[in-house]
């Protein structure tokens, strides 16, 4: 027969309610009594029933995370950090993919709220008003979206963009093109902030193009327009787009980095595996996942308004220089010349 909380209480010679408190809120139980209860539970190999614990503590022991695109390798890396820290805290993690749909994000939070103690939303597409409403439904933490009143883990992508600009200027680039991601995405706005600061600090021009889908196909679509600007370096919103850029440049027989340099963002696994290996800005994805769980735990465990007050930790990014920028690009061919070459190739 399964061991029950009553068996533990008899072995420890305490009440059932004391066993319940010792297992759910050990800080409320005196030291010697707590030791006796824990020893009895270990001797009997007792495992609390999650449903019963939920009735006693009002907590499910579950947390939720919503990501916008499971195909993007950025998000599994965040998930890994979330799972690792949640497991340490004794929480299970329920995951859902919103497919970049604000309405789906809202529906998923309402659905998850019945089964979890709090939800983490990565790079949400929902509006500010939607997120404010959702914060009243369950404990909420955001990743890469800053909104007053809701705790969030942020990555310093503006600094990353400034690092990229300084690197390219040192190589002799003066005219660059940026393939932007979703216009309303917080991370894209931060990259734009870094772009403006870079232009102000260096004698360079960064032409913005797009927005494009933050996917491989988006990089392919933006490459021709970037070449037509006469840029000697091309910055992509993320590594997936940069991989699309490299594919299109290869098809056009444009050499990287001899003819044009390419830079991505994120440092996903494929960035070091492609040919040539991609220069990119490394984002602290695993650390962001862990930090998001920490913020959620503070809300769940906090006993004072100060402990539960919104927090916005910002994690550092780092430029990773690889082969797509290690040689200064030669001056770009005139736009009309490039168009003529593409027409000749595409015949």
Protein backbone atom coordinates (compact mmCIF):
# COMPACT_ATOMS: atom_id res chain seq x y z
CA UNK A 1 0.00 0.00 0.00
CA UNK A 2 1.11 3.58 -0.69
CA UNK A 3 2.67 5.44 2.19
CA UNK A 4 0.46 8.34 3.35
CA UNK A 5 0.98 11.47 5.38
CA UNK A 6 -0.69 9.67 8.30
CA UNK A 7 2.09 7.05 8.26
CA UNK A 8 4.71 9.78 8.43
CA UNK A 9 2.88 11.48 11.30
CA UNK A 10 2.75 8.21 13.29
CA UNK A 11 6.46 7.49 12.67
CA UNK A 12 7.48 11.03 13.71
CA UNK A 13 4.97 11.07 16.60
CA UNK A 14 3.45 14.39 15.48
CA UNK A 15 0.13 15.52 14.04
CA UNK A 16 -0.77 15.30 10.36
CA UNK A 17 -0.95 19.11 10.21
CA UNK A 18 2.63 19.34 11.54
CA UNK A 19 3.84 16.99 8.81
CA UNK A 20 1.99 19.08 6.24
CA UNK A 21 3.61 22.30 7.49
CA UNK A 22 7.06 20.69 7.67
CA UNK A 23 6.89 19.61 4.06
CA UNK A 24 5.17 22.68 2.62
CA UNK A 25 6.49 25.50 4.81
CA UNK A 26 9.46 24.15 6.81
CA UNK A 27 10.35 27.62 8.14
CA UNK A 28 7.23 27.44 10.32
CA UNK A 29 8.32 24.25 12.14
CA UNK A 30 10.81 24.07 15.02
CA UNK A 31 14.21 22.56 14.23
CA UNK A 32 14.03 19.27 16.14
CA UNK A 33 10.44 18.60 15.04
CA UNK A 34 11.31 19.38 11.44
CA UNK A 35 14.27 17.01 11.55
CA UNK A 36 12.06 14.24 12.98
CA UNK A 37 9.44 14.69 10.27
CA UNK A 38 11.96 14.78 7.43
CA UNK A 39 13.74 11.71 8.79
CA UNK A 40 10.44 9.81 9.01
CA UNK A 41 9.48 10.82 5.46
CA UNK A 42 12.87 9.64 4.18
CA UNK A 43 12.71 6.34 6.07
CA UNK A 44 9.26 5.61 4.63
CA UNK A 45 10.17 6.91 1.11
CA UNK A 46 7.15 9.19 1.33
CA UNK A 47 6.34 11.34 -1.71
CA UNK A 48 3.71 14.07 -1.20
CA UNK A 49 0.64 13.88 -3.42
CA UNK A 50 0.77 16.98 -5.66
CA UNK A 51 -3.01 17.34 -5.70
CA UNK A 52 -3.24 17.08 -1.92
CA UNK A 53 -0.38 19.55 -1.46
CA UNK A 54 -2.14 21.97 -3.80
CA UNK A 55 -5.26 21.86 -1.61
CA UNK A 56 -3.18 22.62 1.48
CA UNK A 57 -0.80 25.27 0.12
CA UNK A 58 -2.93 26.77 -2.64
CA UNK A 59 -0.02 26.17 -5.06
CA UNK A 60 0.11 23.74 -7.96
CA UNK A 61 3.87 23.24 -8.09
CA UNK A 62 3.71 24.08 -11.81
CA UNK A 63 4.98 27.06 -13.77
CA UNK A 64 4.23 27.98 -17.36
CA UNK A 65 6.26 29.45 -20.19
CA UNK A 66 4.99 30.78 -23.52
CA UNK A 67 7.37 31.23 -26.45
CA UNK A 68 6.56 32.83 -29.82
CA UNK A 69 8.32 30.38 -32.14
CA UNK A 70 9.59 26.94 -31.14
CA UNK A 71 11.40 26.62 -34.49
CA UNK A 72 13.72 29.48 -33.50
CA UNK A 73 16.75 27.94 -31.71
CA UNK A 74 16.93 31.01 -29.47
CA UNK A 75 13.96 29.86 -27.41
CA UNK A 76 14.96 26.25 -26.62
CA UNK A 77 18.09 27.73 -25.05
CA UNK A 78 15.92 29.95 -22.82
CA UNK A 79 13.74 26.92 -22.04
CA UNK A 80 16.78 24.98 -20.89
CA UNK A 81 17.54 27.62 -18.28
CA UNK A 82 13.90 27.78 -17.18
CA UNK A 83 13.67 24.01 -16.73
CA UNK A 84 16.98 23.81 -14.84
CA UNK A 85 16.08 26.49 -12.27
CA UNK A 86 12.46 25.37 -11.93
CA UNK A 87 13.57 21.80 -11.27
CA UNK A 88 15.89 23.02 -8.51
CA UNK A 89 12.93 24.78 -6.91
CA UNK A 90 10.70 21.71 -7.21
CA UNK A 91 8.53 23.12 -10.00
CA UNK A 92 7.38 21.42 -13.17
CA UNK A 93 7.21 23.52 -16.35
CA UNK A 94 4.35 23.59 -18.85
CA UNK A 95 5.33 25.02 -22.26
CA UNK A 96 3.26 26.46 -25.11
CA UNK A 97 4.04 28.04 -28.50
CA UNK A 98 1.96 31.13 -29.37
CA UNK A 99 3.19 31.19 -32.99
CA UNK A 100 3.73 34.97 -32.69
CA UNK A 101 -0.01 35.53 -32.24
CA UNK A 102 -1.00 38.10 -29.56
CA UNK A 103 -4.49 36.61 -29.25
CA UNK A 104 -3.00 33.15 -28.75
CA UNK A 105 -0.70 34.49 -26.01
CA UNK A 106 -3.68 35.89 -24.16
CA UNK A 107 -5.68 32.66 -24.52
CA UNK A 108 -2.74 30.54 -23.40
CA UNK A 109 -2.18 32.58 -20.25
CA UNK A 110 -5.85 32.23 -19.30
CA UNK A 111 -5.68 28.48 -19.94
CA UNK A 112 -2.42 27.99 -18.05
CA UNK A 113 -3.56 30.10 -15.09
CA UNK A 114 -5.83 27.24 -14.02
CA UNK A 115 -2.90 24.82 -13.86
CA UNK A 116 0.16 26.85 -12.84
CA UNK A 117 1.29 29.27 -10.15
CA UNK A 118 2.77 31.75 -12.62
CA UNK A 119 3.67 32.25 -16.28
CA UNK A 120 6.79 33.45 -18.11
CA UNK A 121 6.25 35.00 -21.55
CA UNK A 122 9.26 35.23 -23.87
CA UNK A 123 9.40 38.19 -26.26
CA UNK A 124 5.62 38.72 -26.08
CA UNK A 125 3.74 39.97 -29.13
CA UNK A 126 0.76 41.06 -27.01
CA UNK A 127 0.12 44.78 -26.54
CA UNK A 128 0.95 46.63 -23.34
CA UNK A 129 -2.76 46.73 -22.46
CA UNK A 130 -3.10 42.98 -22.97
CA UNK A 131 -0.08 42.24 -20.78
CA UNK A 132 -1.34 44.50 -18.01
CA UNK A 133 -4.64 42.58 -18.02
CA UNK A 134 -2.85 39.23 -18.01
CA UNK A 135 -0.80 40.28 -14.96
CA UNK A 136 -4.09 40.33 -13.02
CA UNK A 137 -4.88 36.75 -14.07
CA UNK A 138 -1.70 35.10 -12.72
CA UNK A 139 1.83 35.91 -11.57
CA UNK A 140 3.63 37.10 -14.70
CA UNK A 141 7.27 37.54 -15.76
CA UNK A 142 8.43 38.76 -19.18
CA UNK A 143 11.64 38.05 -21.09
CA UNK A 144 12.89 40.77 -23.45
CA UNK A 145 10.01 43.17 -22.94
CA UNK A 146 10.02 46.03 -20.46
CA UNK A 147 6.67 47.17 -19.11
CA UNK A 148 6.12 49.15 -15.88
CA UNK A 149 4.55 47.05 -13.15
CA UNK A 150 5.56 43.63 -14.54
CA UNK A 151 8.90 42.00 -13.68
CA UNK A 152 11.09 41.26 -16.69
CA UNK A 153 14.48 39.84 -17.62
CA UNK A 154 16.14 42.03 -20.25
CA UNK A 155 19.17 41.47 -22.48
CA UNK A 156 21.37 44.45 -23.29
CA UNK A 157 20.99 44.24 -27.06
CA UNK A 158 21.62 47.98 -27.51
CA UNK A 159 25.12 47.47 -26.11
CA UNK A 160 25.54 44.52 -28.45
CA UNK A 161 24.71 46.71 -31.43
CA UNK A 162 27.22 49.31 -30.28
CA UNK A 163 29.88 46.58 -30.03
CA UNK A 164 29.09 45.46 -33.57
CA UNK A 165 29.42 49.01 -34.89
CA UNK A 166 32.76 49.56 -33.15
CA UNK A 167 34.05 46.27 -34.59
CA UNK A 168 32.97 47.14 -38.14
CA UNK A 169 34.38 50.66 -37.97
CA UNK A 170 37.71 49.22 -36.80
CA UNK A 171 37.68 47.05 -39.94
CA UNK A 172 37.13 50.12 -42.11
CA UNK A 173 33.40 49.88 -42.82
CA UNK A 174 31.54 53.17 -43.14
CA UNK A 175 28.25 52.16 -44.74
CA UNK A 176 26.24 49.24 -43.33
CA UNK A 177 22.73 47.86 -43.79
CA UNK A 178 20.51 46.57 -40.98
CA UNK A 179 17.75 44.04 -41.74
CA UNK A 180 15.26 44.80 -38.98
CA UNK A 181 12.95 42.32 -37.32
CA UNK A 182 9.32 42.80 -36.18
CA UNK A 183 8.75 46.55 -35.86
CA UNK A 184 6.99 46.36 -32.48
CA UNK A 185 9.37 43.82 -30.91
CA UNK A 186 11.15 45.26 -27.86
CA UNK A 187 14.43 43.61 -28.88
CA UNK A 188 14.24 45.21 -32.33
CA UNK A 189 13.59 48.61 -30.76
CA UNK A 190 16.62 48.10 -28.51
CA UNK A 191 18.77 47.19 -31.51
CA UNK A 192 17.54 50.39 -33.15
CA UNK A 193 18.50 52.35 -30.06
CA UNK A 194 21.98 50.85 -30.25
CA UNK A 195 22.12 51.61 -33.98
CA UNK A 196 21.34 55.30 -33.41
CA UNK A 197 23.94 55.52 -30.65
CA UNK A 198 26.50 53.83 -32.89
CA UNK A 199 25.87 56.25 -35.75
CA UNK A 200 26.23 59.18 -33.37
CA UNK A 201 29.52 57.84 -31.95
CA UNK A 202 31.21 56.67 -35.14
CA UNK A 203 31.72 58.09 -38.59
CA UNK A 204 29.42 55.54 -40.19
CA UNK A 205 25.97 55.09 -41.70
CA UNK A 206 23.61 52.21 -40.93
CA UNK A 207 20.73 51.98 -43.40
CA UNK A 208 17.60 50.34 -41.96
CA UNK A 209 15.66 47.94 -44.18
CA UNK A 210 12.51 45.97 -43.44
CA UNK A 211 10.88 44.86 -41.28
CA UNK A 212 11.44 41.23 -42.22
CA UNK A 213 10.29 37.99 -40.63
CA UNK A 214 12.91 36.95 -38.04
CA UNK A 215 13.50 33.71 -39.93
CA UNK A 216 15.83 32.20 -42.54
CA UNK A 217 13.47 33.30 -45.30
CA UNK A 218 13.49 36.87 -44.01
CA UNK A 219 17.25 37.03 -44.43
CA UNK A 220 17.01 35.78 -48.00
CA UNK A 221 14.36 38.39 -48.80
CA UNK A 222 16.37 41.27 -47.40
CA UNK A 223 19.74 40.48 -48.94
CA UNK A 224 19.16 41.96 -52.41
CA UNK A 225 17.86 45.22 -50.96
CA UNK A 226 20.90 45.41 -48.67
CA UNK A 227 23.28 44.91 -51.58
CA UNK A 228 21.56 47.68 -53.50
CA UNK A 229 22.41 50.18 -50.74
CA UNK A 230 26.12 49.87 -51.49
CA UNK A 231 26.77 48.68 -47.91
CA UNK A 232 30.01 46.84 -47.19
CA UNK A 233 28.57 45.16 -44.08
CA UNK A 234 25.16 43.64 -43.39
CA UNK A 235 23.67 43.33 -39.90
CA UNK A 236 20.75 40.94 -39.41
CA UNK A 237 18.15 41.10 -36.63
CA UNK A 238 19.03 37.56 -35.56
CA UNK A 239 21.17 34.60 -36.56
CA UNK A 240 18.38 32.85 -38.46
CA UNK A 241 18.11 35.86 -40.76
CA UNK A 242 21.90 36.05 -41.03
CA UNK A 243 21.98 32.41 -42.15
CA UNK A 244 19.45 33.29 -44.84
CA UNK A 245 21.70 36.18 -45.88
CA UNK A 246 24.71 33.86 -46.19
CA UNK A 247 22.67 31.46 -48.30
CA UNK A 248 21.54 34.20 -50.70
CA UNK A 249 25.04 35.71 -50.94
CA UNK A 250 26.44 32.28 -51.79
CA UNK A 251 23.83 31.90 -54.53
CA UNK A 252 24.82 35.32 -55.91
CA UNK A 253 28.52 34.42 -55.71
CA UNK A 254 29.14 37.34 -53.37
CA UNK A 255 32.12 36.47 -51.17
CA UNK A 256 31.97 36.76 -47.37
CA UNK A 257 33.81 38.58 -45.91
CA UNK A 258 35.93 39.65 -48.91
CA UNK A 259 33.03 41.41 -50.70
CA UNK A 260 30.70 42.03 -47.74
CA UNK A 261 30.76 41.31 -44.01
CA UNK A 262 27.79 39.73 -42.21
CA UNK A 263 26.80 39.93 -38.53
CA UNK A 264 23.94 38.24 -36.67
CA UNK A 265 22.45 38.35 -33.17
CA UNK A 266 21.89 35.56 -30.58
CA UNK A 267 24.83 33.13 -31.12
CA UNK A 268 22.64 30.08 -31.63
CA UNK A 269 24.35 26.73 -32.18
CA UNK A 270 24.27 27.01 -35.98
CA UNK A 271 26.21 30.30 -35.92
CA UNK A 272 29.47 28.48 -35.24
CA UNK A 273 28.62 25.56 -37.57
CA UNK A 274 27.83 27.44 -40.80
CA UNK A 275 30.40 28.24 -43.48
CA UNK A 276 31.94 30.66 -42.95
CA UNK A 277 31.26 30.74 -39.18
CA UNK A 278 29.09 33.72 -38.27
CA UNK A 279 30.17 36.79 -36.32
CA UNK A 280 27.32 37.48 -33.91
CA UNK A 281 26.28 38.98 -30.58
CA UNK A 282 26.00 36.31 -27.91
CA UNK A 283 22.77 36.57 -25.92
CA UNK A 284 22.61 35.10 -22.37
CA UNK A 285 19.69 32.78 -23.20
CA UNK A 286 20.21 30.11 -20.54
CA UNK A 287 20.88 32.76 -17.88
CA UNK A 288 17.76 34.66 -18.93
CA UNK A 289 15.64 31.54 -18.41
CA UNK A 290 17.08 30.99 -14.95
CA UNK A 291 16.65 34.65 -14.01
CA UNK A 292 13.02 34.60 -15.17
CA UNK A 293 12.26 31.70 -12.82
CA UNK A 294 14.01 33.55 -9.99
CA UNK A 295 11.72 36.55 -10.54
CA UNK A 296 8.68 34.27 -10.57
CA UNK A 297 9.77 32.54 -7.36
CA UNK A 298 10.16 35.91 -5.63
CA UNK A 299 6.55 36.70 -6.45
CA UNK A 300 5.35 33.30 -5.30
CA UNK A 301 7.37 33.24 -2.08
CA UNK A 302 7.43 36.93 -1.22
CA UNK A 303 5.78 37.94 2.03
CA UNK A 304 6.17 41.71 1.71
CA UNK A 305 5.29 44.21 -1.02
CA UNK A 306 8.98 45.07 -1.29
CA UNK A 307 9.90 41.48 -2.12
CA UNK A 308 7.16 41.24 -4.72
CA UNK A 309 7.87 44.64 -6.33
CA UNK A 310 8.65 44.46 -10.08
CA UNK A 311 12.32 43.99 -10.98
CA UNK A 312 14.14 44.41 -14.29
CA UNK A 313 17.55 42.68 -14.27
CA UNK A 314 19.53 43.39 -17.44
CA UNK A 315 21.97 40.72 -18.64
CA UNK A 316 25.12 41.54 -20.59
CA UNK A 317 25.70 40.57 -24.21
CA UNK A 318 29.05 39.96 -25.93
CA UNK A 319 30.34 40.24 -29.47
CA UNK A 320 31.67 36.94 -30.84
CA UNK A 321 33.98 37.59 -33.81
CA UNK A 322 34.17 34.82 -36.39
CA UNK A 323 35.01 34.50 -40.07
CA UNK A 324 32.19 36.56 -41.61
CA UNK A 325 33.91 39.82 -40.56
CA UNK A 326 37.59 39.01 -40.15
CA UNK A 327 38.57 40.75 -43.39
CA UNK A 328 37.54 44.30 -44.22
CA UNK A 329 35.16 44.28 -47.14
CA UNK A 330 36.23 45.99 -50.34
CA UNK A 331 34.12 48.93 -51.53
CA UNK A 332 30.77 47.65 -52.73
CA UNK A 333 30.04 47.57 -56.44
CA UNK A 334 27.55 50.18 -57.68
CA UNK A 335 23.93 49.16 -57.13
CA UNK A 336 23.14 49.09 -60.87
CA UNK A 337 26.13 46.83 -61.50
CA UNK A 338 24.90 44.42 -58.84
CA UNK A 339 21.40 44.37 -60.28
CA UNK A 340 22.86 43.61 -63.73
CA UNK A 341 24.87 40.72 -62.34
CA UNK A 342 21.78 39.28 -60.62
CA UNK A 343 19.73 39.55 -63.79
CA UNK A 344 22.48 37.75 -65.69
CA UNK A 345 22.66 34.99 -63.09
CA UNK A 346 18.88 34.54 -62.85
CA UNK A 347 18.36 34.11 -66.60
